[in-house]
Amino acid sequence: MTIPSVINNTKNKQLEAALHKNYSVIQKALQMYQAEHGEPLIPVNTGAQLHANSLYALIKPYFEILYECGFSYITKCMPLSEGEEKDGMSRIYKTYNNSTFIKLVYLDDGQFVLKDGALILIENPGDLQDKNRFISVDVNGIEKKPNKWGHDLFTFQLMSNGKLLPMGASGTRFGDEYCSRVSTDKNNGIGCTYRALTDKDYWKNLPK
């Protein structure tokens, strides 16, 4: 193997380990919530973004938080330049195959940085009829590349039974088709989490 290949392989192994670690951290937070409240945290029991019972408000006490970032597209953790809030597009995060920047709509309902530098990003729709609740994590923080969905940014879904499933798993909002090497969809990569956790060859074949 060439030196660049060795370096890239090492970096990918580190990102893989960080994904497994953060999956465990998020699951532990949900377990702690259940232990304290006597029931699992489920979408139907969460309110809209800024409510006292939003997913963000309910889950953050169970993490070791370095600092909170805020809400919406522009926060201390998600700096955007002039005009970017209008279209809700990131100029930091890109899709799995690097084809375009992603939309921030699934990352903007509360963000906080953990003590190890990982960035947690919440999706909690304002429409109470919409029960999609997502927890995403940038496993090495926003200031470190590659800043791509399916590379260092991964999304999980809180299901109706309180289980946390990696996006792309059966029953989740975004399936495996959102982990494509050719798609130009602005959500491409959101469905990679399940494959990243289960496919032994996933980390060997990341698109550049």
N, C-alpha and C. Protein backbone atom coordinates (compact mmCIF):
# COMPACT_ATOMS: atom_id res chain seq x y z
N MET A 1 0.83 -1.19 0.00
CA MET A 1 0.00 0.00 0.00
C MET A 1 0.87 1.25 0.00
N THR A 2 0.41 2.29 -0.69
CA THR A 2 1.13 3.56 -0.69
C THR A 2 0.90 4.28 0.61
N ILE A 3 1.76 5.24 0.90
CA ILE A 3 1.63 6.02 2.15
C ILE A 3 0.28 6.74 2.21
N PRO A 4 -0.18 7.41 1.13
CA PRO A 4 -1.51 8.03 1.20
C PRO A 4 -2.62 7.03 1.50
N SER A 5 -2.52 5.82 0.94
CA SER A 5 -3.54 4.80 1.19
C SER A 5 -3.54 4.36 2.65
N VAL A 6 -2.34 4.22 3.21
CA VAL A 6 -2.22 3.83 4.62
C VAL A 6 -2.82 4.91 5.51
N ILE A 7 -2.53 6.18 5.20
CA ILE A 7 -3.05 7.30 5.99
C ILE A 7 -4.57 7.34 5.90
N ASN A 8 -5.09 7.16 4.69
CA ASN A 8 -6.54 7.20 4.49
C ASN A 8 -7.21 6.04 5.20
N ASN A 9 -6.62 4.86 5.16
CA ASN A 9 -7.16 3.69 5.83
C ASN A 9 -7.20 3.89 7.34
N THR A 10 -6.14 4.48 7.88
CA THR A 10 -6.08 4.76 9.31
C THR A 10 -7.15 5.77 9.72
N LYS A 11 -7.32 6.81 8.90
CA LYS A 11 -8.33 7.82 9.19
C LYS A 11 -9.73 7.21 9.18
N ASN A 12 -9.99 6.34 8.21
CA ASN A 12 -11.31 5.72 8.13
C ASN A 12 -11.57 4.79 9.31
N LYS A 13 -10.55 4.09 9.77
CA LYS A 13 -10.70 3.24 10.95
C LYS A 13 -11.03 4.07 12.18
N GLN A 14 -10.43 5.25 12.28
CA GLN A 14 -10.71 6.14 13.40
C GLN A 14 -12.15 6.64 13.36
N LEU A 15 -12.62 6.98 12.16
CA LEU A 15 -14.00 7.44 12.01
C LEU A 15 -14.99 6.31 12.31
N GLU A 16 -14.66 5.10 11.87
CA GLU A 16 -15.51 3.95 12.16
C GLU A 16 -15.62 3.71 13.67
N ALA A 17 -14.49 3.78 14.36
CA ALA A 17 -14.50 3.58 15.81
C ALA A 17 -15.31 4.69 16.49
N ALA A 18 -15.18 5.91 15.99
CA ALA A 18 -15.90 7.04 16.58
C ALA A 18 -17.40 6.90 16.36
N LEU A 19 -17.81 6.36 15.21
CA LEU A 19 -19.23 6.13 14.97
C LEU A 19 -19.78 5.13 15.98
N HIS A 20 -19.11 4.01 16.17
CA HIS A 20 -19.57 3.01 17.13
C HIS A 20 -19.63 3.60 18.54
N LYS A 21 -18.63 4.38 18.88
CA LYS A 21 -18.61 5.00 20.21
C LYS A 21 -19.80 5.93 20.40
N ASN A 22 -20.07 6.77 19.42
CA ASN A 22 -21.14 7.75 19.57
C ASN A 22 -22.51 7.11 19.50
N TYR A 23 -22.65 6.04 18.74
CA TYR A 23 -23.90 5.28 18.75
C TYR A 23 -24.18 4.78 20.16
N SER A 24 -23.15 4.28 20.81
CA SER A 24 -23.28 3.80 22.18
C SER A 24 -23.61 4.94 23.14
N VAL A 25 -22.99 6.09 22.94
CA VAL A 25 -23.23 7.26 23.81
C VAL A 25 -24.68 7.71 23.71
N ILE A 26 -25.21 7.77 22.49
CA ILE A 26 -26.60 8.20 22.30
C ILE A 26 -27.57 7.17 22.89
N GLN A 27 -27.29 5.90 22.67
CA GLN A 27 -28.13 4.84 23.25
C GLN A 27 -28.12 4.91 24.78
N LYS A 28 -26.95 5.17 25.34
CA LYS A 28 -26.84 5.27 26.80
C LYS A 28 -27.68 6.43 27.32
N ALA A 29 -27.67 7.55 26.61
CA ALA A 29 -28.48 8.70 27.03
C ALA A 29 -29.96 8.33 27.06
N LEU A 30 -30.42 7.60 26.05
CA LEU A 30 -31.81 7.17 26.01
C LEU A 30 -32.12 6.17 27.13
N GLN A 31 -31.17 5.31 27.44
CA GLN A 31 -31.34 4.36 28.54
C GLN A 31 -31.43 5.08 29.88
N MET A 32 -30.62 6.12 30.04
CA MET A 32 -30.65 6.90 31.28
C MET A 32 -31.98 7.64 31.42
N TYR A 33 -32.48 8.15 30.31
CA TYR A 33 -33.80 8.79 30.35
C TYR A 33 -34.85 7.79 30.82
N GLN A 34 -34.84 6.58 30.25
CA GLN A 34 -35.82 5.57 30.60
C GLN A 34 -35.70 5.16 32.07
N ALA A 35 -34.46 5.05 32.55
CA ALA A 35 -34.25 4.66 33.94
C ALA A 35 -34.83 5.71 34.89
N GLU A 36 -34.70 6.98 34.52
CA GLU A 36 -35.19 8.05 35.40
C GLU A 36 -36.70 8.23 35.32
N HIS A 37 -37.27 8.05 34.12
CA HIS A 37 -38.70 8.35 33.92
C HIS A 37 -39.59 7.10 33.94
N GLY A 38 -38.97 5.93 33.91
CA GLY A 38 -39.75 4.71 33.99
C GLY A 38 -40.39 4.29 32.68
N GLU A 39 -40.08 4.98 31.61
CA GLU A 39 -40.59 4.65 30.29
C GLU A 39 -39.63 5.18 29.24
N PRO A 40 -39.63 4.58 28.04
CA PRO A 40 -38.71 5.04 27.01
C PRO A 40 -39.12 6.40 26.46
N LEU A 41 -38.17 7.11 25.94
CA LEU A 41 -38.46 8.36 25.24
C LEU A 41 -38.95 8.01 23.85
N ILE A 42 -40.16 8.42 23.51
CA ILE A 42 -40.73 8.10 22.21
C ILE A 42 -41.20 9.40 21.54
N PRO A 43 -41.25 9.42 20.21
CA PRO A 43 -41.59 10.66 19.50
C PRO A 43 -42.92 11.28 19.92
N VAL A 44 -43.93 10.45 20.18
CA VAL A 44 -45.26 10.98 20.49
C VAL A 44 -45.26 11.80 21.78
N ASN A 45 -44.27 11.58 22.65
CA ASN A 45 -44.19 12.31 23.91
C ASN A 45 -43.28 13.52 23.85
N THR A 46 -42.83 13.86 22.65
CA THR A 46 -41.99 15.05 22.50
C THR A 46 -42.77 16.14 21.80
N GLY A 47 -42.47 17.39 22.15
CA GLY A 47 -43.14 18.52 21.54
C GLY A 47 -42.35 19.08 20.38
N ALA A 48 -42.73 20.28 19.93
CA ALA A 48 -42.06 20.93 18.81
C ALA A 48 -40.70 21.48 19.25
N GLN A 49 -39.99 22.08 18.26
CA GLN A 49 -38.58 22.41 18.45
C GLN A 49 -38.23 23.11 19.77
N LEU A 50 -38.88 24.22 20.08
CA LEU A 50 -38.47 25.05 21.19
C LEU A 50 -39.27 24.78 22.47
N HIS A 51 -40.13 23.79 22.45
CA HIS A 51 -40.94 23.50 23.63
C HIS A 51 -40.08 22.85 24.72
N ALA A 52 -40.58 22.92 25.94
CA ALA A 52 -39.85 22.36 27.08
C ALA A 52 -39.72 20.84 26.97
N ASN A 53 -40.62 20.21 26.21
CA ASN A 53 -40.54 18.76 26.04
C ASN A 53 -40.10 18.38 24.63
N SER A 54 -39.33 19.25 23.97
CA SER A 54 -38.76 18.89 22.68
C SER A 54 -37.73 17.78 22.88
N LEU A 55 -37.40 17.08 21.81
CA LEU A 55 -36.39 16.03 21.91
C LEU A 55 -35.08 16.60 22.43
N TYR A 56 -34.71 17.75 21.94
CA TYR A 56 -33.47 18.42 22.38
C TYR A 56 -33.47 18.64 23.89
N ALA A 57 -34.56 19.21 24.40
CA ALA A 57 -34.63 19.53 25.83
C ALA A 57 -34.66 18.27 26.69
N LEU A 58 -35.35 17.24 26.21
CA LEU A 58 -35.51 16.03 27.01
C LEU A 58 -34.24 15.19 27.09
N ILE A 59 -33.45 15.20 26.02
CA ILE A 59 -32.32 14.27 25.97
C ILE A 59 -31.00 14.88 26.41
N LYS A 60 -30.85 16.19 26.31
CA LYS A 60 -29.53 16.77 26.56
C LYS A 60 -29.02 16.59 27.99
N PRO A 61 -29.88 16.46 29.02
CA PRO A 61 -29.33 16.25 30.37
C PRO A 61 -28.54 14.95 30.53
N TYR A 62 -28.66 14.05 29.56
CA TYR A 62 -28.02 12.74 29.69
C TYR A 62 -26.73 12.60 28.87
N PHE A 63 -26.24 13.75 28.41
CA PHE A 63 -24.96 13.79 27.70
C PHE A 63 -23.97 14.62 28.51
N GLU A 64 -22.68 14.34 28.29
CA GLU A 64 -21.63 15.18 28.87
C GLU A 64 -21.33 16.28 27.86
N ILE A 65 -21.95 17.43 28.07
CA ILE A 65 -21.92 18.52 27.09
C ILE A 65 -20.83 19.52 27.42
N LEU A 66 -20.05 19.86 26.41
CA LEU A 66 -19.04 20.91 26.55
C LEU A 66 -19.70 22.28 26.43
N TYR A 67 -20.50 22.47 25.39
CA TYR A 67 -21.29 23.69 25.27
C TYR A 67 -22.44 23.48 24.28
N GLU A 68 -23.48 24.28 24.47
CA GLU A 68 -24.63 24.24 23.58
C GLU A 68 -24.42 25.23 22.45
N CYS A 69 -24.96 24.88 21.28
CA CYS A 69 -24.74 25.68 20.08
C CYS A 69 -25.89 26.62 19.77
N GLY A 70 -27.12 26.14 19.99
CA GLY A 70 -28.30 26.92 19.63
C GLY A 70 -29.19 26.15 18.68
N PHE A 71 -30.10 26.89 18.03
CA PHE A 71 -31.07 26.31 17.12
C PHE A 71 -30.94 26.96 15.74
N SER A 72 -31.56 26.34 14.75
CA SER A 72 -31.67 26.83 13.39
C SER A 72 -30.40 26.62 12.59
N TYR A 73 -30.36 27.25 11.40
CA TYR A 73 -29.25 27.04 10.48
C TYR A 73 -27.98 27.77 10.92
N ILE A 74 -28.16 28.92 11.56
CA ILE A 74 -27.00 29.70 11.98
C ILE A 74 -26.85 29.59 13.49
N THR A 75 -25.80 28.94 13.94
CA THR A 75 -25.50 28.81 15.36
C THR A 75 -24.00 28.98 15.54
N LYS A 76 -23.55 28.95 16.78
CA LYS A 76 -22.12 29.08 17.04
C LYS A 76 -21.35 27.86 16.53
N CYS A 77 -22.08 26.77 16.27
CA CYS A 77 -21.43 25.57 15.73
C CYS A 77 -21.65 25.41 14.23
N MET A 78 -22.53 26.19 13.65
CA MET A 78 -22.86 26.05 12.24
C MET A 78 -22.82 27.43 11.59
N PRO A 79 -21.64 28.02 11.48
CA PRO A 79 -21.56 29.36 10.90
C PRO A 79 -21.85 29.34 9.41
N LEU A 80 -22.72 30.23 8.96
CA LEU A 80 -23.05 30.35 7.56
C LEU A 80 -22.78 31.77 7.08
N SER A 81 -22.49 31.92 5.83
CA SER A 81 -22.25 33.24 5.29
C SER A 81 -23.56 33.89 4.86
N GLU A 82 -23.50 35.14 4.47
CA GLU A 82 -24.70 35.89 4.12
C GLU A 82 -25.51 35.19 3.03
N GLY A 83 -26.81 35.08 3.25
CA GLY A 83 -27.70 34.49 2.26
C GLY A 83 -27.94 33.01 2.45
N GLU A 84 -27.14 32.35 3.26
CA GLU A 84 -27.27 30.89 3.37
C GLU A 84 -28.48 30.47 4.17
N GLU A 85 -28.91 31.30 5.12
CA GLU A 85 -30.07 30.92 5.92
C GLU A 85 -31.31 30.85 5.03
N LYS A 86 -31.35 31.65 3.99
CA LYS A 86 -32.52 31.70 3.12
C LYS A 86 -32.81 30.36 2.46
N ASP A 87 -31.76 29.73 1.93
CA ASP A 87 -31.99 28.48 1.23
C ASP A 87 -31.74 27.25 2.09
N GLY A 88 -31.27 27.45 3.32
CA GLY A 88 -31.07 26.33 4.23
C GLY A 88 -30.02 25.35 3.79
N MET A 89 -29.07 25.81 3.00
CA MET A 89 -28.02 24.93 2.50
C MET A 89 -26.74 25.10 3.31
N SER A 90 -26.09 24.00 3.57
CA SER A 90 -24.80 24.04 4.25
C SER A 90 -23.71 24.44 3.27
N ARG A 91 -22.72 25.13 3.74
CA ARG A 91 -21.50 25.35 2.97
C ARG A 91 -20.34 24.66 3.69
N ILE A 92 -20.71 23.75 4.58
CA ILE A 92 -19.73 23.00 5.36
C ILE A 92 -19.86 21.52 5.07
N TYR A 93 -21.08 21.00 5.18
CA TYR A 93 -21.31 19.57 5.00
C TYR A 93 -21.69 19.24 3.55
N LYS A 94 -21.16 18.13 3.04
CA LYS A 94 -21.48 17.68 1.69
C LYS A 94 -22.10 16.28 1.74
N THR A 95 -22.64 15.87 0.62
CA THR A 95 -23.29 14.57 0.53
C THR A 95 -22.25 13.45 0.50
N TYR A 96 -22.74 12.24 0.61
CA TYR A 96 -21.89 11.05 0.67
C TYR A 96 -20.89 10.96 -0.46
N ASN A 97 -21.34 11.28 -1.67
CA ASN A 97 -20.47 11.16 -2.84
C ASN A 97 -19.85 12.49 -3.26
N ASN A 98 -19.97 13.49 -2.37
CA ASN A 98 -19.31 14.78 -2.59
C ASN A 98 -19.90 15.55 -3.77
N SER A 99 -21.13 15.22 -4.18
CA SER A 99 -21.69 15.84 -5.37
C SER A 99 -22.26 17.23 -5.12
N THR A 100 -22.70 17.50 -3.88
CA THR A 100 -23.30 18.79 -3.58
C THR A 100 -23.29 19.01 -2.07
N PHE A 101 -23.60 20.23 -1.67
CA PHE A 101 -23.78 20.51 -0.25
C PHE A 101 -25.15 19.98 0.19
N ILE A 102 -25.27 19.65 1.46
CA ILE A 102 -26.52 19.09 1.97
C ILE A 102 -27.47 20.18 2.43
N LYS A 103 -28.74 19.84 2.55
CA LYS A 103 -29.70 20.73 3.20
C LYS A 103 -29.63 20.51 4.70
N LEU A 104 -29.82 21.58 5.45
CA LEU A 104 -29.67 21.52 6.90
C LEU A 104 -30.98 21.25 7.64
N VAL A 105 -32.04 20.99 6.91
CA VAL A 105 -33.36 20.87 7.51
C VAL A 105 -33.42 19.77 8.55
N TYR A 106 -32.59 18.74 8.43
CA TYR A 106 -32.63 17.63 9.39
C TYR A 106 -31.58 17.76 10.49
N LEU A 107 -30.97 18.94 10.61
CA LEU A 107 -29.88 19.12 11.58
C LEU A 107 -30.05 20.37 12.44
N ASP A 108 -31.19 21.04 12.35
CA ASP A 108 -31.27 22.42 12.85
C ASP A 108 -32.14 22.64 14.08
N ASP A 109 -32.57 21.58 14.76
CA ASP A 109 -33.49 21.76 15.89
C ASP A 109 -32.81 21.54 17.23
N GLY A 110 -31.61 22.08 17.34
CA GLY A 110 -30.84 21.99 18.57
C GLY A 110 -29.53 21.27 18.35
N GLN A 111 -28.45 21.88 18.77
CA GLN A 111 -27.12 21.30 18.56
C GLN A 111 -26.29 21.51 19.83
N PHE A 112 -25.44 20.53 20.14
CA PHE A 112 -24.50 20.71 21.24
C PHE A 112 -23.25 19.87 21.00
N VAL A 113 -22.16 20.35 21.58
CA VAL A 113 -20.86 19.69 21.43
C VAL A 113 -20.57 18.90 22.70
N LEU A 114 -20.17 17.65 22.53
CA LEU A 114 -19.81 16.80 23.66
C LEU A 114 -18.38 17.07 24.09
N LYS A 115 -18.01 16.60 25.25
CA LYS A 115 -16.69 16.88 25.80
C LYS A 115 -15.57 16.29 24.96
N ASP A 116 -15.88 15.25 24.17
CA ASP A 116 -14.84 14.67 23.30
C ASP A 116 -14.78 15.36 21.94
N GLY A 117 -15.62 16.39 21.74
CA GLY A 117 -15.60 17.15 20.50
C GLY A 117 -16.66 16.76 19.49
N ALA A 118 -17.35 15.65 19.70
CA ALA A 118 -18.41 15.25 18.78
C ALA A 118 -19.56 16.26 18.83
N LEU A 119 -20.20 16.48 17.69
CA LEU A 119 -21.30 17.43 17.58
C LEU A 119 -22.61 16.67 17.39
N ILE A 120 -23.57 16.90 18.28
CA ILE A 120 -24.89 16.28 18.19
C ILE A 120 -25.86 17.29 17.57
N LEU A 121 -26.66 16.82 16.60
CA LEU A 121 -27.60 17.68 15.89
C LEU A 121 -28.97 17.01 15.87
N ILE A 122 -30.00 17.75 16.24
CA ILE A 122 -31.33 17.19 16.44
C ILE A 122 -32.29 17.61 15.33
N GLU A 123 -33.13 16.68 14.91
CA GLU A 123 -34.27 17.00 14.03
C GLU A 123 -35.55 16.74 14.80
N ASN A 124 -36.34 17.79 14.99
CA ASN A 124 -37.58 17.74 15.76
C ASN A 124 -38.59 18.65 15.07
N PRO A 125 -39.40 18.15 14.14
CA PRO A 125 -40.28 19.00 13.33
C PRO A 125 -41.23 19.84 14.17
N GLY A 126 -41.56 21.02 13.63
CA GLY A 126 -42.51 21.90 14.30
C GLY A 126 -43.93 21.40 14.17
N ASP A 127 -44.22 20.63 13.13
CA ASP A 127 -45.53 20.04 12.94
C ASP A 127 -45.67 18.83 13.86
N LEU A 128 -46.54 18.92 14.84
CA LEU A 128 -46.67 17.84 15.82
C LEU A 128 -47.23 16.56 15.21
N GLN A 129 -47.81 16.65 14.01
CA GLN A 129 -48.28 15.44 13.33
C GLN A 129 -47.11 14.66 12.72
N ASP A 130 -45.98 15.33 12.55
CA ASP A 130 -44.79 14.69 11.99
C ASP A 130 -43.99 14.09 13.14
N LYS A 131 -43.94 12.78 13.22
CA LYS A 131 -43.29 12.11 14.35
C LYS A 131 -41.84 11.71 14.06
N ASN A 132 -41.27 12.20 12.95
CA ASN A 132 -39.86 11.92 12.69
C ASN A 132 -38.99 12.65 13.70
N ARG A 133 -38.16 11.88 14.40
CA ARG A 133 -37.21 12.46 15.35
C ARG A 133 -35.84 11.86 15.04
N PHE A 134 -34.91 12.70 14.62
CA PHE A 134 -33.59 12.23 14.23
C PHE A 134 -32.53 12.78 15.17
N ILE A 135 -31.51 11.99 15.42
CA ILE A 135 -30.33 12.44 16.15
C ILE A 135 -29.13 12.15 15.26
N SER A 136 -28.45 13.20 14.86
CA SER A 136 -27.25 13.06 14.03
C SER A 136 -26.02 13.37 14.85
N VAL A 137 -24.88 12.86 14.41
CA VAL A 137 -23.63 13.14 15.10
C VAL A 137 -22.51 13.31 14.08
N ASP A 138 -21.79 14.39 14.23
CA ASP A 138 -20.52 14.57 13.52
C ASP A 138 -19.46 14.04 14.46
N VAL A 139 -18.95 12.87 14.18
CA VAL A 139 -18.16 12.13 15.17
C VAL A 139 -16.83 12.77 15.50
N ASN A 140 -16.32 13.64 14.62
CA ASN A 140 -15.05 14.30 14.93
C ASN A 140 -15.18 15.82 14.97
N GLY A 141 -16.41 16.31 15.02
CA GLY A 141 -16.64 17.74 15.14
C GLY A 141 -16.63 18.45 13.81
N ILE A 142 -17.29 19.59 13.77
CA ILE A 142 -17.48 20.31 12.52
C ILE A 142 -16.20 20.94 11.98
N GLU A 143 -15.21 21.13 12.83
CA GLU A 143 -13.98 21.77 12.39
C GLU A 143 -13.00 20.80 11.75
N LYS A 144 -13.33 19.50 11.78
CA LYS A 144 -12.46 18.50 11.17
C LYS A 144 -13.16 17.85 9.98
N LYS A 145 -12.44 17.72 8.89
CA LYS A 145 -12.98 17.09 7.70
C LYS A 145 -13.03 15.58 7.89
N PRO A 146 -13.79 14.87 7.04
CA PRO A 146 -14.28 15.28 5.72
C PRO A 146 -15.59 16.05 5.70
N ASN A 147 -16.33 16.08 6.82
CA ASN A 147 -17.62 16.78 6.86
C ASN A 147 -18.54 16.35 5.72
N LYS A 148 -18.79 15.05 5.67
CA LYS A 148 -19.68 14.48 4.66
C LYS A 148 -20.59 13.46 5.34
N TRP A 149 -21.86 13.46 4.90
CA TRP A 149 -22.78 12.43 5.38
C TRP A 149 -22.26 11.06 4.97
N GLY A 150 -22.23 10.15 5.91
CA GLY A 150 -21.75 8.80 5.64
C GLY A 150 -20.27 8.63 5.77
N HIS A 151 -19.55 9.71 6.08
CA HIS A 151 -18.10 9.66 6.31
C HIS A 151 -17.80 9.99 7.77
N ASP A 152 -18.20 11.18 8.22
CA ASP A 152 -18.06 11.51 9.64
C ASP A 152 -19.36 12.08 10.22
N LEU A 153 -20.37 12.27 9.39
CA LEU A 153 -21.69 12.72 9.83
C LEU A 153 -22.69 11.58 9.62
N PHE A 154 -23.36 11.20 10.71
CA PHE A 154 -24.26 10.03 10.66
C PHE A 154 -25.57 10.35 11.38
N THR A 155 -26.65 9.75 10.88
CA THR A 155 -27.98 10.05 11.40
C THR A 155 -28.68 8.78 11.90
N PHE A 156 -29.35 8.94 13.04
CA PHE A 156 -30.14 7.87 13.65
C PHE A 156 -31.58 8.35 13.78
N GLN A 157 -32.51 7.41 13.87
CA GLN A 157 -33.92 7.76 14.03
C GLN A 157 -34.46 7.16 15.32
N LEU A 158 -35.15 8.00 16.10
CA LEU A 158 -35.85 7.52 17.29
C LEU A 158 -37.20 6.99 16.86
N MET A 159 -37.42 5.69 17.06
CA MET A 159 -38.61 5.03 16.56
C MET A 159 -39.77 5.13 17.56
N SER A 160 -40.95 4.73 17.10
CA SER A 160 -42.15 4.87 17.92
C SER A 160 -42.12 4.01 19.17
N ASN A 161 -41.26 2.96 19.19
CA ASN A 161 -41.14 2.11 20.38
C ASN A 161 -39.99 2.54 21.29
N GLY A 162 -39.33 3.65 20.94
CA GLY A 162 -38.24 4.15 21.77
C GLY A 162 -36.87 3.64 21.36
N LYS A 163 -36.81 2.75 20.39
CA LYS A 163 -35.51 2.26 19.92
C LYS A 163 -34.84 3.28 19.02
N LEU A 164 -33.52 3.29 19.06
CA LEU A 164 -32.73 4.16 18.21
C LEU A 164 -32.15 3.31 17.08
N LEU A 165 -32.60 3.57 15.86
CA LEU A 165 -32.11 2.79 14.72
C LEU A 165 -31.20 3.64 13.83
N PRO A 166 -30.16 3.02 13.31
CA PRO A 166 -29.31 3.74 12.35
C PRO A 166 -30.09 3.98 11.06
N MET A 167 -30.02 5.19 10.56
CA MET A 167 -30.76 5.51 9.35
C MET A 167 -30.30 4.61 8.20
N GLY A 168 -31.26 4.11 7.46
CA GLY A 168 -30.99 3.13 6.41
C GLY A 168 -31.47 1.75 6.80
N ALA A 169 -31.69 1.54 8.11
CA ALA A 169 -32.23 0.26 8.57
C ALA A 169 -33.70 0.16 8.18
N SER A 170 -34.21 -1.05 8.13
CA SER A 170 -35.60 -1.28 7.78
C SER A 170 -36.53 -0.50 8.70
N GLY A 171 -37.46 0.24 8.11
CA GLY A 171 -38.42 1.00 8.89
C GLY A 171 -38.06 2.44 9.12
N THR A 172 -36.82 2.83 8.82
CA THR A 172 -36.42 4.22 9.01
C THR A 172 -36.87 5.09 7.85
N ARG A 173 -36.87 6.38 8.06
CA ARG A 173 -37.41 7.33 7.08
C ARG A 173 -36.64 7.32 5.77
N PHE A 174 -35.32 7.20 5.83
CA PHE A 174 -34.49 7.22 4.63
C PHE A 174 -33.79 5.88 4.47
N GLY A 175 -34.07 5.22 3.35
CA GLY A 175 -33.52 3.89 3.12
C GLY A 175 -32.15 3.90 2.48
N ASP A 176 -31.73 2.71 2.08
CA ASP A 176 -30.39 2.52 1.53
C ASP A 176 -30.16 3.30 0.24
N GLU A 177 -31.24 3.67 -0.45
CA GLU A 177 -31.08 4.44 -1.68
C GLU A 177 -30.50 5.83 -1.41
N TYR A 178 -30.53 6.25 -0.15
CA TYR A 178 -29.92 7.52 0.24
C TYR A 178 -28.48 7.31 0.71
N CYS A 179 -27.85 6.30 0.16
CA CYS A 179 -26.42 6.06 0.38
C CYS A 179 -25.83 5.63 -0.96
N SER A 180 -25.88 6.55 -1.91
CA SER A 180 -25.58 6.24 -3.30
C SER A 180 -24.28 6.91 -3.76
N ARG A 181 -23.55 6.21 -4.59
CA ARG A 181 -22.32 6.76 -5.18
C ARG A 181 -22.62 7.69 -6.36
N VAL A 182 -23.87 7.69 -6.84
CA VAL A 182 -24.19 8.48 -8.04
C VAL A 182 -25.29 9.52 -7.83
N SER A 183 -26.03 9.44 -6.75
CA SER A 183 -27.16 10.35 -6.54
C SER A 183 -26.70 11.79 -6.35
N THR A 184 -27.51 12.73 -6.88
CA THR A 184 -27.27 14.15 -6.66
C THR A 184 -28.26 14.74 -5.66
N ASP A 185 -29.03 13.86 -5.00
CA ASP A 185 -29.99 14.31 -3.99
C ASP A 185 -29.27 14.99 -2.84
N LYS A 186 -29.81 16.08 -2.34
CA LYS A 186 -29.16 16.85 -1.28
C LYS A 186 -29.23 16.15 0.08
N ASN A 187 -29.97 15.03 0.15
CA ASN A 187 -29.98 14.21 1.37
C ASN A 187 -29.17 12.94 1.21
N ASN A 188 -28.45 12.80 0.11
CA ASN A 188 -27.68 11.58 -0.12
C ASN A 188 -26.60 11.41 0.94
N GLY A 189 -26.64 10.29 1.61
CA GLY A 189 -25.72 10.02 2.70
C GLY A 189 -26.42 9.87 4.03
N ILE A 190 -27.63 10.45 4.14
CA ILE A 190 -28.35 10.33 5.41
C ILE A 190 -28.72 8.88 5.68
N GLY A 191 -28.84 8.07 4.62
CA GLY A 191 -29.20 6.66 4.80
C GLY A 191 -28.02 5.71 4.90
N CYS A 192 -26.81 6.23 5.11
CA CYS A 192 -25.61 5.38 5.14
C CYS A 192 -25.30 4.77 6.50
N THR A 193 -25.94 5.24 7.55
CA THR A 193 -25.52 4.85 8.89
C THR A 193 -25.62 3.35 9.13
N TYR A 194 -26.72 2.75 8.71
CA TYR A 194 -26.89 1.31 8.92
C TYR A 194 -25.78 0.53 8.21
N ARG A 195 -25.51 0.90 6.98
CA ARG A 195 -24.47 0.21 6.23
C ARG A 195 -23.09 0.42 6.87
N ALA A 196 -22.85 1.63 7.36
CA ALA A 196 -21.56 1.93 7.99
C ALA A 196 -21.32 1.09 9.23
N LEU A 197 -22.41 0.70 9.91
CA LEU A 197 -22.30 -0.10 11.13
C LEU A 197 -22.30 -1.60 10.87
N THR A 198 -22.76 -2.02 9.70
CA THR A 198 -22.97 -3.45 9.49
C THR A 198 -22.18 -4.05 8.33
N ASP A 199 -21.78 -3.24 7.37
CA ASP A 199 -21.10 -3.74 6.18
C ASP A 199 -19.59 -3.71 6.42
N LYS A 200 -18.95 -4.88 6.44
CA LYS A 200 -17.53 -4.96 6.77
C LYS A 200 -16.65 -4.28 5.71
N ASP A 201 -17.20 -4.09 4.52
CA ASP A 201 -16.42 -3.46 3.44
C ASP A 201 -16.73 -1.98 3.27
N TYR A 202 -17.66 -1.47 4.05
CA TYR A 202 -18.12 -0.09 3.88
C TYR A 202 -16.96 0.91 3.94
N TRP A 203 -16.14 0.78 4.94
CA TRP A 203 -15.09 1.78 5.19
C TRP A 203 -13.92 1.66 4.23
N LYS A 204 -13.87 0.56 3.50
CA LYS A 204 -12.81 0.37 2.51
C LYS A 204 -13.17 1.03 1.18
N ASN A 205 -14.44 1.36 1.01
CA ASN A 205 -14.92 1.79 -0.30
C ASN A 205 -15.63 3.14 -0.27
N LEU A 206 -15.24 4.01 0.63
CA LEU A 206 -15.87 5.33 0.67
C LEU A 206 -15.53 6.12 -0.59
N PRO A 207 -16.52 6.80 -1.17
CA PRO A 207 -16.22 7.65 -2.32
C PRO A 207 -15.38 8.85 -1.88
N LYS A 208 -14.56 9.33 -2.75
CA LYS A 208 -13.70 10.48 -2.41
C LYS A 208 -14.48 11.78 -2.54
